[in-house]
């Protein structure tokens, strides 16, 4: 029994050491071209200004004399700006630029075989790499985020209570995990189709609109609104924002958190299954 426990501890220690090495190397890779990375990160904040002016124009068209008094599906202009800023934060966690195309390219070019001859799981490696990417991103974006939220502080009514804020933080972390496995699953379809760019374009189109990043899904008319609420996309942007702004509370919040967990586990299982089945038919050409 003592030998068994020792082996288990060694296995976990090896996994933690492996995770740390991958994370450290991935961070170093992200920061090699730190100037380009920082500039690209900062440029992503420019659309905030145009989006705010766009919503101002919409509300002004509804009530030219006082746009602040206009309302769309219960959202005032201030509510809409606050919502947009929170969805931007949610998308910063859940978006996985280049993940699906990277996986499909490695399958097409035969690079997957390097994970088959080394004691490193491909999905684990990519997940840790994405964690490193987000850490590098927020090391650069924290100050711009702080400035934006400080300047737009008047658009937020109040800071949420401890329970709501905790649920918001958990929803961001789970949105990251869900976003990763959603896009990784699409990339793994490359085992069957090799090229997934068209499928990825459709996914990105649906994700942009149905996640609530473009506009709150509350304003979508029925029966489409009910249909959208049953899809996983809303958890990528709309849900964290709605939680922070207090639009989902009580038992509804508990239920939605449970559904977010269920969707995350479902896509984790789908991704693992696709990877397992894909390797069965993988030929290792290319490279």
C-alpha atoms as a PDB file:
ATOM      1  CA  UNK A   1       0.000   0.000   0.000  1.00  0.00           C
ATOM      2  CA  UNK A   2       2.821   2.369   0.818  1.00  0.00           C
ATOM      3  CA  UNK A   3       4.380   1.777  -2.596  1.00  0.00           C
ATOM      4  CA  UNK A   4       1.026   2.422  -4.290  1.00  0.00           C
ATOM      5  CA  UNK A   5       0.531   5.725  -2.463  1.00  0.00           C
ATOM      6  CA  UNK A   6       4.089   6.799  -3.299  1.00  0.00           C
ATOM      7  CA  UNK A   7       3.533   6.043  -6.976  1.00  0.00           C
ATOM      8  CA  UNK A   8       0.331   8.048  -6.966  1.00  0.00           C
ATOM      9  CA  UNK A   9       2.085  11.019  -5.366  1.00  0.00           C
ATOM     10  CA  UNK A  10       4.907  10.798  -7.882  1.00  0.00           C
ATOM     11  CA  UNK A  11       2.405  10.712 -10.754  1.00  0.00           C
ATOM     12  CA  UNK A  12       0.627  13.834  -9.521  1.00  0.00           C
ATOM     13  CA  UNK A  13       3.957  15.554  -8.885  1.00  0.00           C
ATOM     14  CA  UNK A  14       5.064  14.719 -12.417  1.00  0.00           C
ATOM     15  CA  UNK A  15       1.817  16.076 -13.837  1.00  0.00           C
ATOM     16  CA  UNK A  16       2.133  19.312 -11.883  1.00  0.00           C
ATOM     17  CA  UNK A  17       5.757  19.676 -12.976  1.00  0.00           C
ATOM     18  CA  UNK A  18       4.776  19.003 -16.587  1.00  0.00           C
ATOM     19  CA  UNK A  19       1.961  21.555 -16.379  1.00  0.00           C
ATOM     20  CA  UNK A  20       4.295  24.183 -14.960  1.00  0.00           C
ATOM     21  CA  UNK A  21       6.925  23.581 -17.665  1.00  0.00           C
ATOM     22  CA  UNK A  22       4.332  23.877 -20.448  1.00  0.00           C
ATOM     23  CA  UNK A  23       2.859  27.028 -18.880  1.00  0.00           C
ATOM     24  CA  UNK A  24       6.290  28.648 -18.469  1.00  0.00           C
ATOM     25  CA  UNK A  25       7.383  27.868 -22.034  1.00  0.00           C
ATOM     26  CA  UNK A  26       4.054  29.056 -23.470  1.00  0.00           C
ATOM     27  CA  UNK A  27       4.350  32.334 -21.542  1.00  0.00           C
ATOM     28  CA  UNK A  28       7.884  32.842 -22.842  1.00  0.00           C
ATOM     29  CA  UNK A  29       6.671  32.247 -26.410  1.00  0.00           C
ATOM     30  CA  UNK A  30       3.870  34.798 -25.990  1.00  0.00           C
ATOM     31  CA  UNK A  31       6.292  37.414 -24.671  1.00  0.00           C
ATOM     32  CA  UNK A  32       9.034  36.970 -27.295  1.00  0.00           C
ATOM     33  CA  UNK A  33       7.321  39.585 -29.489  1.00  0.00           C
ATOM     34  CA  UNK A  34       5.955  41.507 -26.547  1.00  0.00           C
ATOM     35  CA  UNK A  35       5.771  44.803 -28.446  1.00  0.00           C
ATOM     36  CA  UNK A  36       3.602  43.340 -31.205  1.00  0.00           C
ATOM     37  CA  UNK A  37       1.520  41.465 -28.640  1.00  0.00           C
ATOM     38  CA  UNK A  38       0.980  44.610 -26.557  1.00  0.00           C
ATOM     39  CA  UNK A  39       0.047  46.707 -29.592  1.00  0.00           C
ATOM     40  CA  UNK A  40      -2.410  44.074 -30.806  1.00  0.00           C
ATOM     41  CA  UNK A  41      -3.961  43.908 -27.339  1.00  0.00           C
ATOM     42  CA  UNK A  42      -4.347  47.671 -27.072  1.00  0.00           C
ATOM     43  CA  UNK A  43      -5.841  47.956 -30.566  1.00  0.00           C
ATOM     44  CA  UNK A  44      -8.698  45.704 -29.470  1.00  0.00           C
ATOM     45  CA  UNK A  45      -9.932  48.493 -27.208  1.00  0.00           C
ATOM     46  CA  UNK A  46     -10.544  50.943 -30.081  1.00  0.00           C
ATOM     47  CA  UNK A  47     -13.927  49.431 -31.121  1.00  0.00           C
ATOM     48  CA  UNK A  48     -15.269  50.358 -27.660  1.00  0.00           C
ATOM     49  CA  UNK A  49     -15.552  54.004 -28.685  1.00  0.00           C
ATOM     50  CA  UNK A  50     -17.343  53.298 -31.961  1.00  0.00           C
ATOM     51  CA  UNK A  51     -19.721  50.854 -30.268  1.00  0.00           C
ATOM     52  CA  UNK A  52     -20.692  53.384 -27.598  1.00  0.00           C
ATOM     53  CA  UNK A  53     -21.331  56.065 -30.238  1.00  0.00           C
ATOM     54  CA  UNK A  54     -23.367  53.562 -32.245  1.00  0.00           C
ATOM     55  CA  UNK A  55     -25.660  52.834 -29.296  1.00  0.00           C
ATOM     56  CA  UNK A  56     -25.921  56.569 -28.548  1.00  0.00           C
ATOM     57  CA  UNK A  57     -27.119  57.155 -32.118  1.00  0.00           C
ATOM     58  CA  UNK A  58     -29.706  54.375 -31.725  1.00  0.00           C
ATOM     59  CA  UNK A  59     -31.057  55.759 -28.452  1.00  0.00           C
ATOM     60  CA  UNK A  60     -31.002  59.298 -29.833  1.00  0.00           C
ATOM     61  CA  UNK A  61     -33.167  58.161 -32.743  1.00  0.00           C
ATOM     62  CA  UNK A  62     -35.702  56.808 -30.237  1.00  0.00           C
ATOM     63  CA  UNK A  63     -35.802  59.984 -28.149  1.00  0.00           C
ATOM     64  CA  UNK A  64     -33.966  62.894 -29.820  1.00  0.00           C
ATOM     65  CA  UNK A  65     -34.713  65.323 -26.993  1.00  0.00           C
ATOM     66  CA  UNK A  66     -33.320  63.068 -24.232  1.00  0.00           C
ATOM     67  CA  UNK A  67     -31.625  59.817 -25.336  1.00  0.00           C
ATOM     68  CA  UNK A  68     -30.954  58.919 -21.697  1.00  0.00           C
ATOM     69  CA  UNK A  69     -34.701  58.437 -21.166  1.00  0.00           C
ATOM     70  CA  UNK A  70     -35.095  56.073 -24.104  1.00  0.00           C
ATOM     71  CA  UNK A  71     -35.315  52.334 -23.502  1.00  0.00           C
ATOM     72  CA  UNK A  72     -34.842  49.129 -25.509  1.00  0.00           C
ATOM     73  CA  UNK A  73     -36.238  45.964 -23.909  1.00  0.00           C
ATOM     74  CA  UNK A  74     -35.682  47.502 -20.481  1.00  0.00           C
ATOM     75  CA  UNK A  75     -32.153  48.730 -21.281  1.00  0.00           C
ATOM     76  CA  UNK A  76     -31.386  52.424 -20.974  1.00  0.00           C
ATOM     77  CA  UNK A  77     -28.332  53.879 -22.704  1.00  0.00           C
ATOM     78  CA  UNK A  78     -26.320  53.568 -19.483  1.00  0.00           C
ATOM     79  CA  UNK A  79     -27.457  49.964 -19.074  1.00  0.00           C
ATOM     80  CA  UNK A  80     -26.448  49.180 -22.632  1.00  0.00           C
ATOM     81  CA  UNK A  81     -22.959  50.651 -22.229  1.00  0.00           C
ATOM     82  CA  UNK A  82     -22.445  48.792 -18.955  1.00  0.00           C
ATOM     83  CA  UNK A  83     -23.676  45.597 -20.600  1.00  0.00           C
ATOM     84  CA  UNK A  84     -21.372  46.035 -23.588  1.00  0.00           C
ATOM     85  CA  UNK A  85     -18.319  46.602 -21.388  1.00  0.00           C
ATOM     86  CA  UNK A  86     -19.084  43.472 -19.363  1.00  0.00           C
ATOM     87  CA  UNK A  87     -19.595  41.342 -22.486  1.00  0.00           C
ATOM     88  CA  UNK A  88     -16.272  42.620 -23.754  1.00  0.00           C
ATOM     89  CA  UNK A  89     -14.708  41.329 -20.554  1.00  0.00           C
ATOM     90  CA  UNK A  90     -16.528  38.009 -20.939  1.00  0.00           C
ATOM     91  CA  UNK A  91     -15.383  37.596 -24.530  1.00  0.00           C
ATOM     92  CA  UNK A  92     -11.816  38.339 -23.450  1.00  0.00           C
ATOM     93  CA  UNK A  93     -12.029  35.157 -21.378  1.00  0.00           C
ATOM     94  CA  UNK A  94     -14.032  32.919 -23.714  1.00  0.00           C
ATOM     95  CA  UNK A  95     -12.641  33.814 -27.148  1.00  0.00           C
ATOM     96  CA  UNK A  96      -9.971  31.460 -28.506  1.00  0.00           C
ATOM     97  CA  UNK A  97      -8.507  33.130 -31.618  1.00  0.00           C
ATOM     98  CA  UNK A  98      -6.765  30.676 -33.906  1.00  0.00           C
ATOM     99  CA  UNK A  99      -7.358  27.583 -31.783  1.00  0.00           C
ATOM    100  CA  UNK A 100      -9.543  25.595 -34.200  1.00  0.00           C
ATOM    101  CA  UNK A 101      -7.436  26.483 -37.242  1.00  0.00           C
ATOM    102  CA  UNK A 102      -4.261  25.562 -35.354  1.00  0.00           C
ATOM    103  CA  UNK A 103      -5.633  22.130 -34.431  1.00  0.00           C
ATOM    104  CA  UNK A 104      -6.897  21.478 -37.958  1.00  0.00           C
ATOM    105  CA  UNK A 105      -3.565  22.571 -39.433  1.00  0.00           C
ATOM    106  CA  UNK A 106      -1.613  20.248 -37.137  1.00  0.00           C
ATOM    107  CA  UNK A 107      -3.872  17.377 -38.180  1.00  0.00           C
ATOM    108  CA  UNK A 108      -3.534  18.234 -41.875  1.00  0.00           C
ATOM    109  CA  UNK A 109       0.252  18.650 -41.758  1.00  0.00           C
ATOM    110  CA  UNK A 110       0.866  15.596 -39.604  1.00  0.00           C
ATOM    111  CA  UNK A 111       2.138  17.470 -36.553  1.00  0.00           C
ATOM    112  CA  UNK A 112      -0.224  15.564 -34.274  1.00  0.00           C
ATOM    113  CA  UNK A 113       2.173  12.633 -34.297  1.00  0.00           C
ATOM    114  CA  UNK A 114       4.619  14.504 -32.079  1.00  0.00           C
ATOM    115  CA  UNK A 115       2.051  14.242 -29.292  1.00  0.00           C
ATOM    116  CA  UNK A 116       1.725  10.505 -29.941  1.00  0.00           C
ATOM    117  CA  UNK A 117       5.420   9.773 -29.426  1.00  0.00           C
ATOM    118  CA  UNK A 118       5.838  12.046 -26.404  1.00  0.00           C
ATOM    119  CA  UNK A 119       4.194  11.735 -22.950  1.00  0.00           C
ATOM    120  CA  UNK A 120       2.165  14.928 -23.516  1.00  0.00           C
ATOM    121  CA  UNK A 121      -1.557  15.039 -24.193  1.00  0.00           C
ATOM    122  CA  UNK A 122      -2.332  17.402 -27.089  1.00  0.00           C
ATOM    123  CA  UNK A 123      -5.510  18.821 -25.582  1.00  0.00           C
ATOM    124  CA  UNK A 124      -3.849  19.330 -22.219  1.00  0.00           C
ATOM    125  CA  UNK A 125      -0.912  21.058 -23.899  1.00  0.00           C
ATOM    126  CA  UNK A 126      -3.190  23.395 -25.843  1.00  0.00           C
ATOM    127  CA  UNK A 127      -5.350  24.135 -22.811  1.00  0.00           C
ATOM    128  CA  UNK A 128      -2.324  25.145 -20.733  1.00  0.00           C
ATOM    129  CA  UNK A 129      -1.023  27.185 -23.669  1.00  0.00           C
ATOM    130  CA  UNK A 130      -4.318  29.069 -23.767  1.00  0.00           C
ATOM    131  CA  UNK A 131      -4.078  29.718 -20.029  1.00  0.00           C
ATOM    132  CA  UNK A 132      -0.638  31.208 -20.687  1.00  0.00           C
ATOM    133  CA  UNK A 133      -2.078  33.295 -23.531  1.00  0.00           C
ATOM    134  CA  UNK A 134      -4.766  34.728 -21.243  1.00  0.00           C
ATOM    135  CA  UNK A 135      -2.230  35.449 -18.490  1.00  0.00           C
ATOM    136  CA  UNK A 136      -0.031  37.307 -20.980  1.00  0.00           C
ATOM    137  CA  UNK A 137      -3.055  39.112 -22.404  1.00  0.00           C
ATOM    138  CA  UNK A 138      -4.260  40.367 -19.034  1.00  0.00           C
ATOM    139  CA  UNK A 139      -0.761  41.347 -17.961  1.00  0.00           C
ATOM    140  CA  UNK A 140      -0.967  43.874 -20.795  1.00  0.00           C
ATOM    141  CA  UNK A 141      -4.700  44.600 -20.806  1.00  0.00           C
ATOM    142  CA  UNK A 142      -5.279  45.135 -17.072  1.00  0.00           C
ATOM    143  CA  UNK A 143      -4.371  48.819 -17.160  1.00  0.00           C
ATOM    144  CA  UNK A 144      -6.450  49.633 -20.292  1.00  0.00           C
ATOM    145  CA  UNK A 145      -9.387  47.706 -18.799  1.00  0.00           C
ATOM    146  CA  UNK A 146      -9.022  49.661 -15.550  1.00  0.00           C
ATOM    147  CA  UNK A 147      -8.931  52.995 -17.408  1.00  0.00           C
ATOM    148  CA  UNK A 148     -11.981  52.125 -19.521  1.00  0.00           C
ATOM    149  CA  UNK A 149     -14.038  50.998 -16.537  1.00  0.00           C
ATOM    150  CA  UNK A 150     -12.950  54.039 -14.525  1.00  0.00           C
ATOM    151  CA  UNK A 151     -13.998  56.453 -17.278  1.00  0.00           C
ATOM    152  CA  UNK A 152     -17.293  54.595 -17.748  1.00  0.00           C
ATOM    153  CA  UNK A 153     -17.937  54.111 -14.033  1.00  0.00           C
ATOM    154  CA  UNK A 154     -21.056  56.332 -14.109  1.00  0.00           C
ATOM    155  CA  UNK A 155     -22.781  53.838 -16.402  1.00  0.00           C
ATOM    156  CA  UNK A 156     -22.759  51.180 -13.667  1.00  0.00           C
ATOM    157  CA  UNK A 157     -25.461  51.459 -11.045  1.00  0.00           C
ATOM    158  CA  UNK A 158     -23.758  49.654  -8.166  1.00  0.00           C
ATOM    159  CA  UNK A 159     -21.127  47.072  -7.357  1.00  0.00           C
ATOM    160  CA  UNK A 160     -22.738  43.609  -6.980  1.00  0.00           C
ATOM    161  CA  UNK A 161     -22.995  41.843  -3.633  1.00  0.00           C
ATOM    162  CA  UNK A 162     -20.456  39.175  -2.633  1.00  0.00           C
ATOM    163  CA  UNK A 163     -22.537  36.210  -3.841  1.00  0.00           C
ATOM    164  CA  UNK A 164     -23.255  37.773  -7.219  1.00  0.00           C
ATOM    165  CA  UNK A 165     -19.639  38.819  -7.682  1.00  0.00           C
ATOM    166  CA  UNK A 166     -18.405  35.318  -6.799  1.00  0.00           C
ATOM    167  CA  UNK A 167     -20.852  33.825  -9.319  1.00  0.00           C
ATOM    168  CA  UNK A 168     -19.595  36.323 -11.900  1.00  0.00           C
ATOM    169  CA  UNK A 169     -15.962  35.296 -11.370  1.00  0.00           C
ATOM    170  CA  UNK A 170     -16.857  31.597 -11.590  1.00  0.00           C
ATOM    171  CA  UNK A 171     -18.846  32.256 -14.777  1.00  0.00           C
ATOM    172  CA  UNK A 172     -15.795  33.918 -16.356  1.00  0.00           C
ATOM    173  CA  UNK A 173     -13.550  30.946 -15.572  1.00  0.00           C
ATOM    174  CA  UNK A 174     -16.140  28.469 -16.846  1.00  0.00           C
ATOM    175  CA  UNK A 175     -16.700  30.611 -19.955  1.00  0.00           C
ATOM    176  CA  UNK A 176     -12.984  30.244 -20.664  1.00  0.00           C
ATOM    177  CA  UNK A 177     -13.170  26.448 -20.311  1.00  0.00           C
ATOM    178  CA  UNK A 178     -16.366  26.205 -22.381  1.00  0.00           C
ATOM    179  CA  UNK A 179     -14.945  28.482 -25.079  1.00  0.00           C
ATOM    180  CA  UNK A 180     -11.802  26.363 -25.277  1.00  0.00           C
ATOM    181  CA  UNK A 181     -13.571  23.029 -25.669  1.00  0.00           C
ATOM    182  CA  UNK A 182     -16.159  24.445 -28.063  1.00  0.00           C
ATOM    183  CA  UNK A 183     -13.508  25.644 -30.489  1.00  0.00           C
ATOM    184  CA  UNK A 184     -11.192  22.680 -29.893  1.00  0.00           C
ATOM    185  CA  UNK A 185     -14.074  20.373 -30.840  1.00  0.00           C
ATOM    186  CA  UNK A 186     -14.485  22.238 -34.121  1.00  0.00           C
ATOM    187  CA  UNK A 187     -10.766  21.970 -34.794  1.00  0.00           C
ATOM    188  CA  UNK A 188     -10.815  18.212 -34.154  1.00  0.00           C
ATOM    189  CA  UNK A 189     -13.378  17.797 -36.925  1.00  0.00           C
ATOM    190  CA  UNK A 190     -10.272  18.209 -39.077  1.00  0.00           C
ATOM    191  CA  UNK A 191      -9.635  14.503 -38.498  1.00  0.00           C
ATOM    192  CA  UNK A 192     -12.567  13.919 -40.861  1.00  0.00           C
ATOM    193  CA  UNK A 193     -12.636  16.991 -43.125  1.00  0.00           C
ATOM    194  CA  UNK A 194      -9.053  18.335 -42.863  1.00  0.00           C
ATOM    195  CA  UNK A 195     -10.207  21.899 -43.650  1.00  0.00           C
ATOM    196  CA  UNK A 196     -12.548  23.520 -41.099  1.00  0.00           C
ATOM    197  CA  UNK A 197     -12.318  27.191 -42.129  1.00  0.00           C
ATOM    198  CA  UNK A 198     -15.870  27.313 -43.536  1.00  0.00           C
ATOM    199  CA  UNK A 199     -17.299  25.575 -40.476  1.00  0.00           C
ATOM    200  CA  UNK A 200     -15.324  27.896 -38.210  1.00  0.00           C
ATOM    201  CA  UNK A 201     -16.661  30.943 -40.067  1.00  0.00           C
ATOM    202  CA  UNK A 202     -20.239  29.764 -39.462  1.00  0.00           C
ATOM    203  CA  UNK A 203     -19.442  29.127 -35.795  1.00  0.00           C
ATOM    204  CA  UNK A 204     -17.870  32.572 -35.337  1.00  0.00           C
ATOM    205  CA  UNK A 205     -20.855  34.218 -37.027  1.00  0.00           C
ATOM    206  CA  UNK A 206     -23.361  32.457 -34.792  1.00  0.00           C
ATOM    207  CA  UNK A 207     -21.184  32.976 -31.723  1.00  0.00           C
ATOM    208  CA  UNK A 208     -20.832  36.722 -32.321  1.00  0.00           C
ATOM    209  CA  UNK A 209     -24.591  37.281 -32.495  1.00  0.00           C
ATOM    210  CA  UNK A 210     -25.988  34.535 -30.248  1.00  0.00           C
ATOM    211  CA  UNK A 211     -23.468  34.999 -27.431  1.00  0.00           C
ATOM    212  CA  UNK A 212     -24.886  38.467 -26.794  1.00  0.00           C
ATOM    213  CA  UNK A 213     -21.684  40.238 -27.751  1.00  0.00           C
ATOM    214  CA  UNK A 214     -23.344  42.296 -30.479  1.00  0.00           C
ATOM    215  CA  UNK A 215     -26.525  43.062 -28.508  1.00  0.00           C
ATOM    216  CA  UNK A 216     -28.331  41.634 -25.447  1.00  0.00           C
ATOM    217  CA  UNK A 217     -30.238  38.475 -26.286  1.00  0.00           C
ATOM    218  CA  UNK A 218     -33.119  39.945 -24.252  1.00  0.00           C
ATOM    219  CA  UNK A 219     -34.062  42.103 -27.229  1.00  0.00           C
ATOM    220  CA  UNK A 220     -34.429  39.148 -29.612  1.00  0.00           C
ATOM    221  CA  UNK A 221     -38.147  38.570 -30.293  1.00  0.00           C
ATOM    222  CA  UNK A 222     -39.889  35.320 -29.421  1.00  0.00           C
ATOM    223  CA  UNK A 223     -39.763  32.459 -30.230  1.00  0.00           C
ATOM    224  CA  UNK A 224     -36.123  33.034 -31.214  1.00  0.00           C
ATOM    225  CA  UNK A 225     -35.151  34.356 -27.793  1.00  0.00           C
ATOM    226  CA  UNK A 226     -36.270  31.125 -26.104  1.00  0.00           C
ATOM    227  CA  UNK A 227     -34.364  29.092 -28.681  1.00  0.00           C
ATOM    228  CA  UNK A 228     -31.169  31.090 -28.138  1.00  0.00           C
ATOM    229  CA  UNK A 229     -31.371  30.655 -24.360  1.00  0.00           C
ATOM    230  CA  UNK A 230     -31.148  26.881 -24.794  1.00  0.00           C
ATOM    231  CA  UNK A 231     -27.880  27.137 -26.741  1.00  0.00           C
ATOM    232  CA  UNK A 232     -24.424  27.292 -25.115  1.00  0.00           C
ATOM    233  CA  UNK A 233     -23.393  30.520 -26.873  1.00  0.00           C
ATOM    234  CA  UNK A 234     -24.971  32.831 -24.302  1.00  0.00           C
ATOM    235  CA  UNK A 235     -22.552  31.609 -21.626  1.00  0.00           C
ATOM    236  CA  UNK A 236     -19.611  33.029 -23.589  1.00  0.00           C
ATOM    237  CA  UNK A 237     -20.583  36.688 -23.154  1.00  0.00           C
ATOM    238  CA  UNK A 238     -24.194  37.409 -22.194  1.00  0.00           C
ATOM    239  CA  UNK A 239     -24.352  35.301 -19.051  1.00  0.00           C
ATOM    240  CA  UNK A 240     -21.326  36.733 -17.184  1.00  0.00           C
ATOM    241  CA  UNK A 241     -22.511  40.263 -18.018  1.00  0.00           C
ATOM    242  CA  UNK A 242     -26.085  39.544 -16.925  1.00  0.00           C
ATOM    243  CA  UNK A 243     -24.830  38.039 -13.660  1.00  0.00           C
ATOM    244  CA  UNK A 244     -22.673  41.061 -12.847  1.00  0.00           C
ATOM    245  CA  UNK A 245     -25.473  43.494 -13.687  1.00  0.00           C
ATOM    246  CA  UNK A 246     -27.914  41.617 -11.449  1.00  0.00           C
ATOM    247  CA  UNK A 247     -30.262  40.534 -14.229  1.00  0.00           C
ATOM    248  CA  UNK A 248     -30.062  36.880 -13.131  1.00  0.00           C
ATOM    249  CA  UNK A 249     -30.513  36.192  -9.428  1.00  0.00           C
ATOM    250  CA  UNK A 250     -31.724  33.622  -6.931  1.00  0.00           C
ATOM    251  CA  UNK A 251     -32.787  30.224  -8.205  1.00  0.00           C
ATOM    252  CA  UNK A 252     -32.462  31.390 -11.808  1.00  0.00           C
ATOM    253  CA  UNK A 253     -28.800  32.119 -11.165  1.00  0.00           C
ATOM    254  CA  UNK A 254     -28.278  28.701  -9.544  1.00  0.00           C
ATOM    255  CA  UNK A 255     -30.001  26.971 -12.467  1.00  0.00           C
ATOM    256  CA  UNK A 256     -28.016  28.865 -15.095  1.00  0.00           C
ATOM    257  CA  UNK A 257     -24.747  28.145 -13.293  1.00  0.00           C
ATOM    258  CA  UNK A 258     -25.662  24.469 -13.291  1.00  0.00           C
ATOM    259  CA  UNK A 259     -26.449  24.604 -17.030  1.00  0.00           C
ATOM    260  CA  UNK A 260     -23.123  26.316 -17.710  1.00  0.00           C
ATOM    261  CA  UNK A 261     -21.399  23.477 -15.854  1.00  0.00           C
ATOM    262  CA  UNK A 262     -23.394  20.875 -17.810  1.00  0.00           C
ATOM    263  CA  UNK A 263     -22.513  22.470 -21.174  1.00  0.00           C
ATOM    264  CA  UNK A 264     -18.849  22.649 -20.168  1.00  0.00           C
ATOM    265  CA  UNK A 265     -18.741  18.967 -19.198  1.00  0.00           C
ATOM    266  CA  UNK A 266     -20.663  18.036 -22.361  1.00  0.00           C
ATOM    267  CA  UNK A 267     -18.192  19.755 -24.679  1.00  0.00           C
ATOM    268  CA  UNK A 268     -15.252  18.407 -22.698  1.00  0.00           C
ATOM    269  CA  UNK A 269     -16.634  14.899 -23.266  1.00  0.00           C
ATOM    270  CA  UNK A 270     -17.362  15.618 -26.947  1.00  0.00           C
ATOM    271  CA  UNK A 271     -13.851  16.954 -27.465  1.00  0.00           C
ATOM    272  CA  UNK A 272     -12.235  13.968 -25.762  1.00  0.00           C
ATOM    273  CA  UNK A 273     -14.415  11.576 -27.768  1.00  0.00           C
ATOM    274  CA  UNK A 274     -13.600  13.359 -31.051  1.00  0.00           C
ATOM    275  CA  UNK A 275      -9.883  13.236 -30.232  1.00  0.00           C
ATOM    276  CA  UNK A 276     -10.052   9.532 -29.359  1.00  0.00           C
ATOM    277  CA  UNK A 277     -12.018   8.625 -32.492  1.00  0.00           C
ATOM    278  CA  UNK A 278      -9.915  10.905 -34.658  1.00  0.00           C
ATOM    279  CA  UNK A 279      -6.693   9.216 -33.613  1.00  0.00           C
ATOM    280  CA  UNK A 280      -8.204   5.895 -34.646  1.00  0.00           C
ATOM    281  CA  UNK A 281      -8.329   7.057 -38.258  1.00  0.00           C
ATOM    282  CA  UNK A 282      -5.284   9.369 -38.202  1.00  0.00           C
ATOM    283  CA  UNK A 283      -2.673   8.439 -40.793  1.00  0.00           C
ATOM    284  CA  UNK A 284       0.132  10.797 -39.790  1.00  0.00           C
ATOM    285  CA  UNK A 285       0.785  12.155 -43.285  1.00  0.00           C
ATOM    286  CA  UNK A 286       2.615  15.429 -43.744  1.00  0.00           C
ATOM    287  CA  UNK A 287       5.240  16.984 -41.509  1.00  0.00           C
END
